[in-house]
Amino acid sequence: MLNAGVTDQDAKIAGEAHESGKGVIIVVNKWDAVEKETGTLEEYKKDIYQKLKYLSYAPIIFISAKTRTKSK
């Protein structure tokens, strides 16, 4: 689903990885499909960390498989 944000299933899987002591990197795909303005990336990060508070240590990477780009 495009632009779904953090889903319940995402949170469940992330929680299981966190509880198991596994390393976590949060990857946001289809970043090319998001309309961006100044501060968009920071707002997305803020929203993700708000929903996944227990993963505040995990880096977030924004990618586009289509355009082969990434942002941190």
N, C-alpha and C. Protein backbone atom coordinates (compact mmCIF):
# COMPACT_ATOMS: atom_id res chain seq x y z
N MET A 1 0.85 -1.17 0.00
CA MET A 1 0.00 0.00 0.00
C MET A 1 0.89 1.23 0.00
N LEU A 2 0.69 2.11 -0.93
CA LEU A 2 1.51 3.30 -1.05
C LEU A 2 1.20 4.28 0.07
N ASN A 3 2.27 4.81 0.68
CA ASN A 3 2.15 5.83 1.71
C ASN A 3 1.34 5.37 2.92
N ALA A 4 1.46 4.10 3.27
CA ALA A 4 0.72 3.56 4.40
C ALA A 4 1.33 3.99 5.73
N GLY A 5 2.58 4.43 5.71
CA GLY A 5 3.24 4.75 6.96
C GLY A 5 3.54 3.48 7.73
N VAL A 6 3.67 3.59 9.03
CA VAL A 6 3.94 2.43 9.87
C VAL A 6 2.63 1.70 10.12
N THR A 7 2.55 0.47 9.66
CA THR A 7 1.34 -0.32 9.85
C THR A 7 1.42 -1.12 11.15
N ASP A 8 0.29 -1.69 11.55
CA ASP A 8 0.28 -2.54 12.75
C ASP A 8 1.23 -3.72 12.58
N GLN A 9 1.26 -4.28 11.37
CA GLN A 9 2.14 -5.42 11.12
C GLN A 9 3.61 -5.00 11.20
N ASP A 10 3.93 -3.80 10.68
CA ASP A 10 5.30 -3.29 10.80
C ASP A 10 5.70 -3.19 12.27
N ALA A 11 4.82 -2.63 13.07
CA ALA A 11 5.10 -2.44 14.50
C ALA A 11 5.27 -3.78 15.21
N LYS A 12 4.47 -4.77 14.83
CA LYS A 12 4.56 -6.09 15.46
C LYS A 12 5.91 -6.74 15.13
N ILE A 13 6.28 -6.71 13.86
CA ILE A 13 7.56 -7.32 13.45
C ILE A 13 8.73 -6.58 14.08
N ALA A 14 8.68 -5.26 14.07
CA ALA A 14 9.74 -4.46 14.67
C ALA A 14 9.85 -4.74 16.16
N GLY A 15 8.71 -4.87 16.83
CA GLY A 15 8.70 -5.18 18.25
C GLY A 15 9.32 -6.53 18.55
N GLU A 16 9.04 -7.52 17.72
CA GLU A 16 9.62 -8.84 17.90
C GLU A 16 11.14 -8.80 17.73
N ALA A 17 11.61 -8.06 16.72
CA ALA A 17 13.06 -7.93 16.51
C ALA A 17 13.71 -7.24 17.70
N HIS A 18 13.09 -6.17 18.17
CA HIS A 18 13.61 -5.42 19.32
C HIS A 18 13.66 -6.29 20.57
N GLU A 19 12.56 -6.99 20.87
CA GLU A 19 12.50 -7.85 22.06
C GLU A 19 13.50 -8.99 22.00
N SER A 20 13.84 -9.42 20.79
CA SER A 20 14.80 -10.51 20.62
C SER A 20 16.24 -10.03 20.62
N GLY A 21 16.42 -8.72 20.75
CA GLY A 21 17.77 -8.16 20.78
C GLY A 21 18.45 -8.11 19.42
N LYS A 22 17.67 -8.15 18.37
CA LYS A 22 18.23 -8.12 17.01
C LYS A 22 18.53 -6.68 16.60
N GLY A 23 19.47 -6.53 15.69
CA GLY A 23 19.76 -5.23 15.13
C GLY A 23 18.62 -4.80 14.21
N VAL A 24 18.31 -3.53 14.21
CA VAL A 24 17.19 -3.04 13.41
C VAL A 24 17.62 -1.81 12.61
N ILE A 25 17.29 -1.83 11.35
CA ILE A 25 17.39 -0.65 10.48
C ILE A 25 16.01 -0.47 9.89
N ILE A 26 15.48 0.73 9.98
CA ILE A 26 14.16 1.02 9.43
C ILE A 26 14.35 1.53 8.00
N VAL A 27 13.72 0.86 7.04
CA VAL A 27 13.85 1.24 5.64
C VAL A 27 12.49 1.64 5.10
N VAL A 28 12.43 2.85 4.54
CA VAL A 28 11.21 3.36 3.92
C VAL A 28 11.41 3.28 2.42
N ASN A 29 10.62 2.44 1.75
CA ASN A 29 10.73 2.26 0.31
C ASN A 29 9.75 3.18 -0.42
N LYS A 30 9.93 3.30 -1.71
CA LYS A 30 9.09 4.11 -2.60
C LYS A 30 9.17 5.60 -2.25
N TRP A 31 10.33 6.02 -1.78
CA TRP A 31 10.53 7.41 -1.41
C TRP A 31 10.35 8.34 -2.61
N ASP A 32 10.55 7.81 -3.81
CA ASP A 32 10.37 8.61 -5.03
C ASP A 32 8.90 8.99 -5.23
N ALA A 33 7.96 8.24 -4.65
CA ALA A 33 6.54 8.49 -4.84
C ALA A 33 5.97 9.54 -3.88
N VAL A 34 6.78 9.99 -2.94
CA VAL A 34 6.32 10.97 -1.94
C VAL A 34 6.60 12.38 -2.44
N GLU A 35 5.56 13.22 -2.40
CA GLU A 35 5.76 14.63 -2.73
C GLU A 35 6.53 15.28 -1.59
N LYS A 36 7.65 15.89 -1.94
CA LYS A 36 8.52 16.43 -0.91
C LYS A 36 8.55 17.95 -0.93
N GLU A 37 8.61 18.49 0.27
CA GLU A 37 8.82 19.91 0.50
C GLU A 37 9.95 20.01 1.52
N THR A 38 10.35 21.19 1.84
CA THR A 38 11.37 21.37 2.86
C THR A 38 10.88 20.75 4.17
N GLY A 39 11.69 19.86 4.72
CA GLY A 39 11.37 19.24 6.00
C GLY A 39 10.60 17.94 5.91
N THR A 40 10.28 17.48 4.71
CA THR A 40 9.49 16.25 4.56
C THR A 40 10.19 15.06 5.19
N LEU A 41 11.46 14.88 4.91
CA LEU A 41 12.21 13.74 5.44
C LEU A 41 12.21 13.76 6.96
N GLU A 42 12.44 14.92 7.55
CA GLU A 42 12.47 15.03 9.00
C GLU A 42 11.10 14.73 9.61
N GLU A 43 10.03 15.16 8.94
CA GLU A 43 8.68 14.89 9.43
C GLU A 43 8.37 13.39 9.39
N TYR A 44 8.79 12.73 8.33
CA TYR A 44 8.59 11.28 8.24
C TYR A 44 9.35 10.58 9.35
N LYS A 45 10.59 10.99 9.60
CA LYS A 45 11.37 10.37 10.68
C LYS A 45 10.67 10.57 12.03
N LYS A 46 10.22 11.78 12.27
CA LYS A 46 9.54 12.10 13.52
C LYS A 46 8.30 11.22 13.70
N ASP A 47 7.53 11.03 12.63
CA ASP A 47 6.33 10.22 12.69
C ASP A 47 6.67 8.74 12.96
N ILE A 48 7.70 8.25 12.29
CA ILE A 48 8.11 6.86 12.49
C ILE A 48 8.56 6.64 13.93
N TYR A 49 9.42 7.51 14.44
CA TYR A 49 9.90 7.36 15.81
C TYR A 49 8.77 7.54 16.83
N GLN A 50 7.78 8.33 16.49
CA GLN A 50 6.62 8.50 17.37
C GLN A 50 5.85 7.18 17.48
N LYS A 51 5.70 6.49 16.36
CA LYS A 51 4.95 5.24 16.34
C LYS A 51 5.77 4.05 16.83
N LEU A 52 7.08 4.14 16.69
CA LEU A 52 7.97 3.05 17.12
C LEU A 52 8.97 3.59 18.15
N LYS A 53 8.46 4.13 19.24
CA LYS A 53 9.28 4.77 20.27
C LYS A 53 10.42 3.87 20.76
N TYR A 54 10.16 2.59 20.85
CA TYR A 54 11.14 1.64 21.35
C TYR A 54 12.31 1.43 20.38
N LEU A 55 12.22 1.99 19.18
CA LEU A 55 13.31 1.86 18.20
C LEU A 55 14.01 3.20 17.96
N SER A 56 14.04 4.04 18.95
CA SER A 56 14.65 5.36 18.78
C SER A 56 16.13 5.28 18.43
N TYR A 57 16.75 4.14 18.68
CA TYR A 57 18.18 3.93 18.37
C TYR A 57 18.40 3.50 16.92
N ALA A 58 17.35 3.05 16.25
CA ALA A 58 17.48 2.47 14.91
C ALA A 58 17.59 3.57 13.85
N PRO A 59 18.56 3.46 12.96
CA PRO A 59 18.65 4.43 11.86
C PRO A 59 17.51 4.22 10.87
N ILE A 60 17.11 5.30 10.21
CA ILE A 60 16.08 5.23 9.18
C ILE A 60 16.73 5.58 7.85
N ILE A 61 16.48 4.74 6.85
CA ILE A 61 16.98 4.98 5.50
C ILE A 61 15.79 5.05 4.56
N PHE A 62 15.76 6.06 3.73
CA PHE A 62 14.71 6.23 2.74
C PHE A 62 15.27 5.81 1.39
N ILE A 63 14.57 4.88 0.71
CA ILE A 63 15.09 4.37 -0.55
C ILE A 63 14.03 4.41 -1.64
N SER A 64 14.51 4.30 -2.86
CA SER A 64 13.64 4.09 -4.01
C SER A 64 14.30 3.03 -4.87
N ALA A 65 13.68 1.87 -4.92
CA ALA A 65 14.20 0.81 -5.78
C ALA A 65 14.08 1.23 -7.25
N LYS A 66 13.04 1.97 -7.55
CA LYS A 66 12.79 2.40 -8.92
C LYS A 66 13.89 3.32 -9.44
N THR A 67 14.28 4.31 -8.63
CA THR A 67 15.28 5.28 -9.07
C THR A 67 16.67 4.97 -8.52
N ARG A 68 16.77 3.90 -7.73
CA ARG A 68 18.05 3.48 -7.14
C ARG A 68 18.71 4.60 -6.31
N THR A 69 17.91 5.25 -5.48
CA THR A 69 18.43 6.33 -4.64
C THR A 69 18.18 5.99 -3.18
N LYS A 70 18.96 6.67 -2.31
CA LYS A 70 18.72 6.53 -0.88
C LYS A 70 19.06 7.85 -0.19
N SER A 71 18.40 8.06 0.93
CA SER A 71 18.63 9.25 1.77
C SER A 71 18.65 8.79 3.20
N LYS A 72 19.35 9.52 4.03
CA LYS A 72 19.37 9.23 5.47
C LYS A 72 18.68 10.33 6.22
